[in-house]
Every structure is written in C-alpha cells, then in structure tokens.
C-alpha atoms as a PDB file:
ATOM      1  CA  MET A   1     -19.091-106.069 107.453  1.00  0.00           C
ATOM      2  CA  ILE A   2     -19.534-102.311 107.545  1.00  0.00           C
ATOM      3  CA  GLY A   3     -23.115-101.197 106.984  1.00  0.00           C
ATOM      4  CA  LYS A   4     -22.928 -97.529 107.967  1.00  0.00           C
ATOM      5  CA  LEU A   5     -20.289 -94.849 108.479  1.00  0.00           C
ATOM      6  CA  THR A   6     -20.741 -91.605 110.356  1.00  0.00           C
ATOM      7  CA  GLY A   7     -17.820 -89.212 110.486  1.00  0.00           C
ATOM      8  CA  LYS A   8     -16.290 -86.128 108.901  1.00  0.00           C
ATOM      9  CA  VAL A   9     -15.521 -85.623 105.222  1.00  0.00           C
ATOM     10  CA  ASP A  10     -11.731 -85.644 104.984  1.00  0.00           C
ATOM     11  CA  THR A  11     -11.042 -85.538 101.243  1.00  0.00           C
ATOM     12  CA  VAL A  12     -13.092 -85.891  98.080  1.00  0.00           C
ATOM     13  CA  SER A  13     -11.910 -87.151  94.680  1.00  0.00           C
ATOM     14  CA  LEU A  14     -13.654 -87.826  91.371  1.00  0.00           C
ATOM     15  CA  ASN A  15     -15.413 -91.012  92.490  1.00  0.00           C
ATOM     16  CA  ALA A  16     -14.575 -91.470  96.153  1.00  0.00           C
ATOM     17  CA  ALA A  17     -14.230 -89.763  99.497  1.00  0.00           C
ATOM     18  CA  ILE A  18     -12.307 -90.452 102.674  1.00  0.00           C
ATOM     19  CA  ILE A  19     -14.503 -90.344 105.758  1.00  0.00           C
ATOM     20  CA  ASP A  20     -12.688 -89.746 109.037  1.00  0.00           C
ATOM     21  CA  VAL A  21     -14.282 -91.809 111.793  1.00  0.00           C
ATOM     22  CA  SER A  22     -12.559 -91.162 115.132  1.00  0.00           C
ATOM     23  CA  GLY A  23      -9.204 -90.713 113.445  1.00  0.00           C
ATOM     24  CA  VAL A  24      -9.517 -93.642 111.030  1.00  0.00           C
ATOM     25  CA  GLY A  25      -9.956 -92.722 107.364  1.00  0.00           C
ATOM     26  CA  TYR A  26     -12.269 -94.970 105.340  1.00  0.00           C
ATOM     27  CA  GLU A  27     -12.088 -94.684 101.565  1.00  0.00           C
ATOM     28  CA  VAL A  28     -15.629 -94.918 100.211  1.00  0.00           C
ATOM     29  CA  THR A  29     -16.500 -95.236  96.517  1.00  0.00           C
ATOM     30  CA  LEU A  30     -19.416 -92.964  95.618  1.00  0.00           C
ATOM     31  CA  GLY A  31     -21.624 -92.253  92.649  1.00  0.00           C
ATOM     32  CA  ALA A  32     -21.657 -88.825  91.024  1.00  0.00           C
ATOM     33  CA  ARG A  33     -24.970 -87.857  92.603  1.00  0.00           C
ATOM     34  CA  THR A  34     -23.836 -88.792  96.120  1.00  0.00           C
ATOM     35  CA  ILE A  35     -20.540 -86.937  95.719  1.00  0.00           C
ATOM     36  CA  SER A  36     -22.332 -83.783  94.578  1.00  0.00           C
ATOM     37  CA  ASN A  37     -24.517 -83.904  97.688  1.00  0.00           C
ATOM     38  CA  LEU A  38     -21.687 -84.385 100.191  1.00  0.00           C
ATOM     39  CA  PRO A  39     -21.239 -81.645 102.794  1.00  0.00           C
ATOM     40  CA  PRO A  40     -18.024 -79.566 102.688  1.00  0.00           C
ATOM     41  CA  VAL A  41     -14.722 -81.034 103.876  1.00  0.00           C
ATOM     42  CA  GLY A  42     -14.603 -81.062 107.661  1.00  0.00           C
ATOM     43  CA  GLU A  43     -18.352 -81.409 108.162  1.00  0.00           C
ATOM     44  CA  SER A  44     -20.182 -84.506 109.405  1.00  0.00           C
ATOM     45  CA  VAL A  45     -21.816 -87.021 107.093  1.00  0.00           C
ATOM     46  CA  SER A  46     -23.585 -90.337 107.492  1.00  0.00           C
ATOM     47  CA  LEU A  47     -23.537 -92.892 104.662  1.00  0.00           C
ATOM     48  CA  ALA A  48     -25.169 -96.270 104.193  1.00  0.00           C
ATOM     49  CA  ILE A  49     -22.378 -98.670 103.198  1.00  0.00           C
ATOM     50  CA  ASP A  50     -22.326-101.755 101.012  1.00  0.00           C
ATOM     51  CA  THR A  51     -19.133-103.756 101.667  1.00  0.00           C
ATOM     52  CA  HIS A  52     -17.609-105.808  98.845  1.00  0.00           C
ATOM     53  CA  MET A  53     -14.965-108.272  99.974  1.00  0.00           C
ATOM     54  CA  LYS A  54     -12.559-110.087  97.666  1.00  0.00           C
ATOM     55  CA  GLU A  55      -9.545-112.232  98.404  1.00  0.00           C
ATOM     56  CA  ASP A  56      -7.152-109.345  97.942  1.00  0.00           C
ATOM     57  CA  SER A  57      -9.256-106.281  98.690  1.00  0.00           C
ATOM     58  CA  VAL A  58     -12.194-104.735 100.516  1.00  0.00           C
ATOM     59  CA  ARG A  59     -14.165-101.934  98.869  1.00  0.00           C
ATOM     60  CA  LEU A  60     -16.789 -99.759 100.516  1.00  0.00           C
ATOM     61  CA  TYR A  61     -19.608 -98.235  98.447  1.00  0.00           C
ATOM     62  CA  GLY A  62     -21.478 -95.339 100.030  1.00  0.00           C
ATOM     63  CA  PHE A  63     -25.055 -94.108  99.623  1.00  0.00           C
ATOM     64  CA  ALA A  64     -27.256 -91.352 100.956  1.00  0.00           C
ATOM     65  CA  ASP A  65     -29.614 -93.802 102.669  1.00  0.00           C
ATOM     66  CA  GLU A  66     -30.666 -97.443 102.979  1.00  0.00           C
ATOM     67  CA  HIS A  67     -33.201 -97.107 100.178  1.00  0.00           C
ATOM     68  CA  GLU A  68     -30.534 -96.081  97.680  1.00  0.00           C
ATOM     69  CA  ARG A  69     -28.290 -98.927  98.854  1.00  0.00           C
ATOM     70  CA  GLY A  70     -31.177-101.337  98.276  1.00  0.00           C
ATOM     71  CA  TRP A  71     -31.402-100.197  94.662  1.00  0.00           C
ATOM     72  CA  PHE A  72     -27.645-100.620  94.269  1.00  0.00           C
ATOM     73  CA  GLN A  73     -27.910-104.218  95.482  1.00  0.00           C
ATOM     74  CA  ALA A  74     -30.956-104.934  93.319  1.00  0.00           C
ATOM     75  CA  LEU A  75     -29.277-103.567  90.191  1.00  0.00           C
ATOM     76  CA  GLN A  76     -26.442-106.048  90.614  1.00  0.00           C
ATOM     77  CA  THR A  77     -28.855-108.981  90.452  1.00  0.00           C
ATOM     78  CA  VAL A  78     -29.395-108.108  86.778  1.00  0.00           C
ATOM     79  CA  GLN A  79     -27.219-110.029  84.322  1.00  0.00           C
ATOM     80  CA  GLY A  80     -24.356-107.880  83.074  1.00  0.00           C
ATOM     81  CA  VAL A  81     -24.607-105.336  85.892  1.00  0.00           C
ATOM     82  CA  GLY A  82     -21.750-105.120  88.372  1.00  0.00           C
ATOM     83  CA  ALA A  83     -20.965-102.569  91.026  1.00  0.00           C
ATOM     84  CA  LYS A  84     -19.471-100.093  88.530  1.00  0.00           C
ATOM     85  CA  VAL A  85     -22.524-100.105  86.252  1.00  0.00           C
ATOM     86  CA  ALA A  86     -24.959-100.020  89.184  1.00  0.00           C
ATOM     87  CA  LEU A  87     -23.166 -96.971  90.578  1.00  0.00           C
ATOM     88  CA  ALA A  88     -23.238 -95.317  87.158  1.00  0.00           C
ATOM     89  CA  VAL A  89     -27.005 -95.820  86.924  1.00  0.00           C
ATOM     90  CA  LEU A  90     -27.556 -94.311  90.365  1.00  0.00           C
ATOM     91  CA  GLY A  91     -25.240 -91.451  89.451  1.00  0.00           C
ATOM     92  CA  ALA A  92     -27.222 -90.662  86.316  1.00  0.00           C
ATOM     93  CA  LEU A  93     -30.736 -91.203  87.703  1.00  0.00           C
ATOM     94  CA  SER A  94     -32.281 -90.323  91.029  1.00  0.00           C
ATOM     95  CA  ILE A  95     -34.149 -93.103  92.817  1.00  0.00           C
ATOM     96  CA  THR A  96     -37.425 -91.518  91.743  1.00  0.00           C
ATOM     97  CA  ASP A  97     -36.316 -91.307  88.102  1.00  0.00           C
ATOM     98  CA  LEU A  98     -35.070 -94.905  88.125  1.00  0.00           C
ATOM     99  CA  ALA A  99     -38.322 -96.165  89.649  1.00  0.00           C
ATOM    100  CA  ASN A 100     -40.215 -94.142  87.038  1.00  0.00           C
ATOM    101  CA  ALA A 101     -38.133 -95.723  84.255  1.00  0.00           C
ATOM    102  CA  VAL A 102     -38.832 -99.209  85.610  1.00  0.00           C
ATOM    103  CA  ALA A 103     -42.552 -98.481  85.925  1.00  0.00           C
ATOM    104  CA  LEU A 104     -42.735 -97.225  82.333  1.00  0.00           C
ATOM    105  CA  GLN A 105     -40.229 -99.797  81.021  1.00  0.00           C
ATOM    106  CA  ASP A 106     -38.234 -96.835  79.706  1.00  0.00           C
ATOM    107  CA  LYS A 107     -34.918 -98.431  78.816  1.00  0.00           C
ATOM    108  CA  ALA A 108     -33.817 -95.263  76.996  1.00  0.00           C
ATOM    109  CA  ALA A 109     -33.739 -93.345  80.293  1.00  0.00           C
ATOM    110  CA  VAL A 110     -31.588 -96.024  81.936  1.00  0.00           C
ATOM    111  CA  GLY A 111     -29.420 -96.240  78.824  1.00  0.00           C
ATOM    112  CA  ARG A 112     -28.268 -92.666  79.365  1.00  0.00           C
ATOM    113  CA  ALA A 113     -26.084 -93.840  82.246  1.00  0.00           C
ATOM    114  CA  PRO A 114     -22.382 -94.168  81.280  1.00  0.00           C
ATOM    115  CA  GLY A 115     -21.438 -97.702  80.255  1.00  0.00           C
ATOM    116  CA  VAL A 116     -25.031 -98.942  79.977  1.00  0.00           C
ATOM    117  CA  GLY A 117     -25.926-100.228  76.519  1.00  0.00           C
ATOM    118  CA  PRO A 118     -29.435-100.859  75.144  1.00  0.00           C
ATOM    119  CA  LYS A 119     -29.420-104.583  76.016  1.00  0.00           C
ATOM    120  CA  VAL A 120     -28.351-104.041  79.614  1.00  0.00           C
ATOM    121  CA  ALA A 121     -30.812-101.160  80.000  1.00  0.00           C
ATOM    122  CA  GLY A 122     -33.590-103.408  78.710  1.00  0.00           C
ATOM    123  CA  ARG A 123     -32.705-106.123  81.204  1.00  0.00           C
ATOM    124  CA  ILE A 124     -32.604-103.609  84.063  1.00  0.00           C
ATOM    125  CA  VAL A 125     -36.122-102.275  83.516  1.00  0.00           C
ATOM    126  CA  ALA A 126     -37.523-105.747  82.818  1.00  0.00           C
ATOM    127  CA  GLU A 127     -35.944-107.597  85.737  1.00  0.00           C
ATOM    128  CA  LEU A 128     -36.245-104.876  88.378  1.00  0.00           C
ATOM    129  CA  LYS A 129     -39.985-104.618  87.835  1.00  0.00           C
ATOM    130  CA  ASP A 130     -40.375-108.002  89.527  1.00  0.00           C
ATOM    131  CA  LYS A 131     -38.160-106.893  92.419  1.00  0.00           C
ATOM    132  CA  MET A 132     -39.933-103.593  93.082  1.00  0.00           C
ATOM    133  CA  PRO A 133     -42.084-104.801  96.014  1.00  0.00           C
ATOM    134  CA  VAL A 134     -39.000-105.176  98.220  1.00  0.00           C
ATOM    135  CA  LEU A 135     -37.725-101.768  97.126  1.00  0.00           C
ATOM    136  CA  ALA A 136     -40.962 -99.842  97.661  1.00  0.00           C
ATOM    137  CA  PRO A 137     -40.709 -97.637 100.769  1.00  0.00           C
ATOM    138  CA  ALA A 138     -44.471 -97.866 101.235  1.00  0.00           C
ATOM    139  CA  LEU A 139     -44.021-101.521 102.157  1.00  0.00           C
ATOM    140  CA  VAL A 140     -41.823-100.771 105.148  1.00  0.00           C
ATOM    141  CA  PRO A 141     -43.756-101.768 108.322  1.00  0.00           C
ATOM    142  CA  GLY A 142     -45.745 -98.777 109.452  1.00  0.00           C
ATOM    143  CA  GLY A 143     -44.951 -96.975 106.207  1.00  0.00           C
ATOM    144  CA  GLY A 144     -48.477 -96.959 104.780  1.00  0.00           C
ATOM    145  CA  LYS A 145     -49.408 -93.427 103.848  1.00  0.00           C
ATOM    146  CA  ALA A 146     -53.174 -93.542 103.551  1.00  0.00           C
ATOM    147  CA  PRO A 147     -56.222 -95.773 103.834  1.00  0.00           C
ATOM    148  CA  ALA A 148     -57.823 -97.123 100.685  1.00  0.00           C
ATOM    149  CA  ALA A 149     -58.669 -94.337  98.253  1.00  0.00           C
ATOM    150  CA  ALA A 150     -61.029 -94.158  95.319  1.00  0.00           C
ATOM    151  CA  LEU A 151     -59.461 -94.711  91.916  1.00  0.00           C
ATOM    152  CA  PRO A 152     -58.961 -91.355  90.163  1.00  0.00           C
ATOM    153  CA  GLU A 153     -60.907 -90.798  86.964  1.00  0.00           C
ATOM    154  CA  GLY A 154     -59.279 -90.793  83.552  1.00  0.00           C
ATOM    155  CA  LEU A 155     -57.209 -93.252  81.542  1.00  0.00           C
ATOM    156  CA  ALA A 156     -53.889 -91.620  82.385  1.00  0.00           C
ATOM    157  CA  ALA A 157     -54.699 -91.703  86.094  1.00  0.00           C
ATOM    158  CA  ARG A 158     -55.727 -95.346  85.942  1.00  0.00           C
ATOM    159  CA  ASP A 159     -52.542 -96.246  84.063  1.00  0.00           C
ATOM    160  CA  ALA A 160     -50.489 -94.389  86.671  1.00  0.00           C
ATOM    161  CA  VAL A 161     -52.183 -96.172  89.570  1.00  0.00           C
ATOM    162  CA  SER A 162     -51.698 -99.509  87.817  1.00  0.00           C
ATOM    163  CA  ALA A 163     -47.999 -98.795  87.292  1.00  0.00           C
ATOM    164  CA  LEU A 164     -47.497 -97.848  90.951  1.00  0.00           C
ATOM    165  CA  THR A 165     -49.321-100.923  92.246  1.00  0.00           C
ATOM    166  CA  ASN A 166     -47.229-103.079  89.894  1.00  0.00           C
ATOM    167  CA  LEU A 167     -44.183-101.597  91.612  1.00  0.00           C
ATOM    168  CA  GLY A 168     -45.436-102.980  94.911  1.00  0.00           C
ATOM    169  CA  TYR A 169     -47.222-100.002  96.454  1.00  0.00           C
ATOM    170  CA  PRO A 170     -50.592-100.697  98.133  1.00  0.00           C
ATOM    171  CA  HIS A 171     -53.521 -99.660  95.950  1.00  0.00           C
ATOM    172  CA  GLY A 172     -54.765 -97.077  98.438  1.00  0.00           C
ATOM    173  CA  ASP A 173     -51.381 -95.368  98.649  1.00  0.00           C
ATOM    174  CA  ALA A 174     -50.990 -95.407  94.860  1.00  0.00           C
ATOM    175  CA  ALA A 175     -54.449 -93.930  94.288  1.00  0.00           C
ATOM    176  CA  SER A 176     -53.859 -91.208  96.879  1.00  0.00           C
ATOM    177  CA  ALA A 177     -50.495 -90.328  95.353  1.00  0.00           C
ATOM    178  CA  VAL A 178     -51.950 -90.098  91.842  1.00  0.00           C
ATOM    179  CA  THR A 179     -54.843 -87.959  93.107  1.00  0.00           C
ATOM    180  CA  ALA A 180     -52.306 -85.590  94.661  1.00  0.00           C
ATOM    181  CA  ALA A 181     -50.303 -85.625  91.407  1.00  0.00           C
ATOM    182  CA  ILE A 182     -53.404 -84.614  89.425  1.00  0.00           C
ATOM    183  CA  ALA A 183     -53.935 -81.709  91.811  1.00  0.00           C
ATOM    184  CA  LYS A 184     -50.411 -80.498  91.013  1.00  0.00           C
ATOM    185  CA  ALA A 185     -50.182 -81.278  87.300  1.00  0.00           C
ATOM    186  CA  GLY A 186     -53.804 -80.912  86.211  1.00  0.00           C
ATOM    187  CA  ARG A 187     -56.315 -83.345  84.754  1.00  0.00           C
ATOM    188  CA  GLU A 188     -54.690 -83.248  81.318  1.00  0.00           C
ATOM    189  CA  ALA A 189     -51.368 -84.574  82.626  1.00  0.00           C
ATOM    190  CA  ARG A 190     -49.992 -87.701  80.962  1.00  0.00           C
ATOM    191  CA  ALA A 191     -49.529 -90.972  82.827  1.00  0.00           C
ATOM    192  CA  GLU A 192     -45.741 -90.552  82.803  1.00  0.00           C
ATOM    193  CA  GLU A 193     -45.979 -87.236  84.661  1.00  0.00           C
ATOM    194  CA  LEU A 194     -48.482 -88.623  87.169  1.00  0.00           C
ATOM    195  CA  ILE A 195     -46.222 -91.610  87.856  1.00  0.00           C
ATOM    196  CA  ARG A 196     -43.210 -89.336  88.368  1.00  0.00           C
ATOM    197  CA  LEU A 197     -45.069 -87.086  90.802  1.00  0.00           C
ATOM    198  CA  GLY A 198     -46.706 -90.072  92.499  1.00  0.00           C
ATOM    199  CA  LEU A 199     -43.347 -91.756  93.099  1.00  0.00           C
ATOM    200  CA  LYS A 200     -41.943 -88.546  94.552  1.00  0.00           C
ATOM    201  CA  ASP A 201     -44.889 -88.315  96.947  1.00  0.00           C
ATOM    202  CA  LEU A 202     -44.639 -91.979  97.989  1.00  0.00           C
ATOM    203  CA  ALA A 203     -40.904 -91.678  98.619  1.00  0.00           C
ATOM    204  CA  GLN A 204     -41.394 -88.919 101.198  1.00  0.00           C
END
C-alpha cells in the first residue's frame, strides 16, 4: 500500500497528475482544490496517498496532507458517499469550511459540491459530527494549543465554544480559539463566524 509520494510533477490533467518518483510515473487522482495548489510541472511535491485496490485495478488518490486524507476516508463511511463524491466535497470545500459545515449542520454548504444531493449532504453533516474527535488536529498527541481558558462572554461565543467541543476539541483550546476569533471579528460577530475563525486557528 502506498501512503505517501514525493517526487516531481510530470503532467497535470483535469482530475489527475503524474508524479515522477525516481523515473517511475504514478498517476494520482486529485480533487480540484489539490490540483489548483500543485507546484508547476518539474517542481517537487509531496502528497499523502490513499490507495484503493480492486481485482482489476489500483487507484491512487492524493491529498495535501494526512489531515485531508483523514477527511476523505471519513466521508466514505457515510452511506451513499464513494471516493468520487468524497473527492468532490473536498474539491468544493476546504477542510476548515467542511468542519464548519459539520459543526453548524449546514447541509446546504456541503450540497454545493458537484454530485451531492440534499439527502447525501444531510447524512454527511449528521454522521461526520460523531466522527469529528478522530479528525480534530487538536487531539493529536502533543497538539494541545493552550491550557484551560475561561469561557468567553456572550451567547454567540458560548455557542461557538460548544460547537468546537462537540467536534472533539478540548474545551480550553476551543475557548482560546473563540476568544481569539472575537478579537478579530468583534464582539458582535455571529456564532458561525466565530466557529469559522476558531477552526482556522485550531487547524494551524
């Protein structure tokens, strides 16, 4: 099983790229967002790889990092979501935006991905909420960002902290992230904006 490829970008097509690793070209299927962020042809790139093996074929799916690959794998645990749909979701939404949609149960945001209907979008936000603890970068050993912090004042802030802790982030990290979000967006910011900014801070 191939879990990572590091080599030079050889060619790029609409939904794939060939990565030259010591003279061997690996065709890697990529989402739109990953393709747009590839370096120019001839330059080095490192991709996290998810290998799908069937009786008659082997397909490699590439991602910017292990965190994005984890989301790709988690999406496919949802009924009706295969590799193609999972890749479409990650092509339409950044990891931060997808986590925000799950936190807010915003199926409309997920439904904007090509090939994702309202029912599938609803299942994605509902089922991934229970899987968020294993996807939260703050839960990586040594990844805690701050000691326990006081809960920010205001209903929107409290809702934002609650949403982040429901996603699996430690309460102290969530409170610190929301406090930082308030400093950027102001005390009148809505919970949705605080969650978005908080997720971006926690993902760093």
